[in-house]
């Protein structure tokens, strides 16, 4: 499988072509494909790093009983939202269009 199976926007292709020309490489399907694959690898690596960072940040903290007690913050009280007001709709006449078509021989 080659570049034919990739989906690229016009702006992406222009940016890749500009980078390739700046680096002195020839623009071909093969070099474009290698640029696409390197971009995909970079995106995956960034996602992995962000997941690792998020997992490090969200590690639970051990609380030892008997340790110096700190005043606990009260949990945020859940405020129940009031029920939405009922919607008032005036009387509306509803027509069955298929029945009307048959009635006027348009069907």
Protein backbone atom coordinates (compact mmCIF):
# COMPACT_ATOMS: atom_id res chain seq x y z
CA UNK A 1 0.00 0.00 0.00
CA UNK A 2 1.30 3.41 -0.83
CA UNK A 3 0.33 7.03 -0.90
CA UNK A 4 -2.84 6.21 -2.84
CA UNK A 5 -4.50 4.87 0.31
CA UNK A 6 -3.71 7.97 2.40
CA UNK A 7 -6.15 10.82 2.83
CA UNK A 8 -4.51 14.24 2.79
CA UNK A 9 -5.87 17.74 2.55
CA UNK A 10 -4.53 20.19 0.02
CA UNK A 11 -3.01 22.30 2.83
CA UNK A 12 -1.19 19.24 4.23
CA UNK A 13 0.28 18.39 0.83
CA UNK A 14 1.42 21.98 0.29
CA UNK A 15 3.06 22.09 3.75
CA UNK A 16 4.80 18.75 3.19
CA UNK A 17 6.03 19.87 -0.23
CA UNK A 18 7.39 23.06 1.28
CA UNK A 19 9.21 21.12 4.03
CA UNK A 20 10.65 18.68 1.48
CA UNK A 21 11.88 21.50 -0.77
CA UNK A 22 13.41 23.29 2.22
CA UNK A 23 15.30 20.14 3.20
CA UNK A 24 16.50 19.68 -0.39
CA UNK A 25 14.68 16.41 -1.01
CA UNK A 26 12.91 15.59 -4.24
CA UNK A 27 9.11 15.57 -4.12
CA UNK A 28 7.73 12.19 -5.10
CA UNK A 29 5.03 9.82 -3.93
CA UNK A 30 7.59 7.90 -1.90
CA UNK A 31 8.93 10.97 -0.05
CA UNK A 32 5.37 12.20 0.59
CA UNK A 33 4.45 8.78 1.96
CA UNK A 34 7.47 8.80 4.28
CA UNK A 35 6.44 12.29 5.50
CA UNK A 36 2.89 11.06 6.19
CA UNK A 37 4.15 8.04 8.10
CA UNK A 38 6.62 10.09 10.15
CA UNK A 39 3.83 12.55 10.99
CA UNK A 40 1.59 9.67 12.09
CA UNK A 41 4.38 8.27 14.28
CA UNK A 42 4.90 11.66 15.91
CA UNK A 43 1.19 12.00 16.63
CA UNK A 44 1.08 8.54 18.21
CA UNK A 45 4.14 9.31 20.35
CA UNK A 46 2.58 12.55 21.56
CA UNK A 47 -0.62 10.73 22.46
CA UNK A 48 1.35 8.10 24.39
CA UNK A 49 3.29 10.81 26.23
CA UNK A 50 0.11 12.64 27.17
CA UNK A 51 -1.46 9.40 28.42
CA UNK A 52 1.63 8.63 30.53
CA UNK A 53 1.64 12.17 31.88
CA UNK A 54 -2.06 11.97 32.71
CA UNK A 55 -1.62 8.64 34.48
CA UNK A 56 1.28 10.03 36.54
CA UNK A 57 -0.73 13.05 37.57
CA UNK A 58 -3.82 11.09 38.55
CA UNK A 59 -2.10 8.54 40.83
CA UNK A 60 -3.96 8.24 44.13
CA UNK A 61 -2.27 9.60 47.24
CA UNK A 62 -1.96 7.25 50.20
CA UNK A 63 -3.60 8.48 53.37
CA UNK A 64 -2.22 6.99 56.55
CA UNK A 65 -4.47 6.84 59.57
CA UNK A 66 -2.91 8.46 62.60
CA UNK A 67 -0.95 10.92 60.52
CA UNK A 68 -1.33 14.61 61.19
CA UNK A 69 -4.95 15.30 60.50
CA UNK A 70 -5.74 17.98 58.02
CA UNK A 71 -9.11 19.58 57.77
CA UNK A 72 -10.92 17.90 54.94
CA UNK A 73 -12.64 20.00 52.39
CA UNK A 74 -16.35 19.36 52.28
CA UNK A 75 -17.49 17.72 49.10
CA UNK A 76 -19.11 19.96 46.59
CA UNK A 77 -22.81 19.92 47.20
CA UNK A 78 -24.78 18.80 44.23
CA UNK A 79 -27.33 21.41 43.40
CA UNK A 80 -30.41 19.91 41.84
CA UNK A 81 -31.45 21.93 38.85
CA UNK A 82 -35.09 22.91 38.84
CA UNK A 83 -37.27 21.00 36.45
CA UNK A 84 -37.67 22.83 33.15
CA UNK A 85 -40.93 24.70 32.76
CA UNK A 86 -43.44 22.92 30.57
CA UNK A 87 -43.56 24.21 27.03
CA UNK A 88 -46.86 25.77 26.06
CA UNK A 89 -47.95 24.99 22.52
CA UNK A 90 -51.06 26.39 20.96
CA UNK A 91 -53.41 24.07 19.15
CA UNK A 92 -51.95 23.14 15.82
CA UNK A 93 -53.83 21.40 13.05
CA UNK A 94 -51.91 18.39 11.71
CA UNK A 95 -52.56 17.14 8.20
CA UNK A 96 -51.84 13.71 6.78
CA UNK A 97 -50.25 14.61 3.46
CA UNK A 98 -50.62 11.14 1.98
CA UNK A 99 -54.34 11.21 2.73
CA UNK A 100 -54.63 14.68 1.18
CA UNK A 101 -52.81 13.53 -1.95
CA UNK A 102 -55.19 10.60 -2.31
CA UNK A 103 -58.18 12.85 -1.63
CA UNK A 104 -57.22 15.22 -4.44
CA UNK A 105 -56.09 12.42 -6.79
CA UNK A 106 -52.45 13.52 -6.73
CA UNK A 107 -51.20 10.14 -5.57
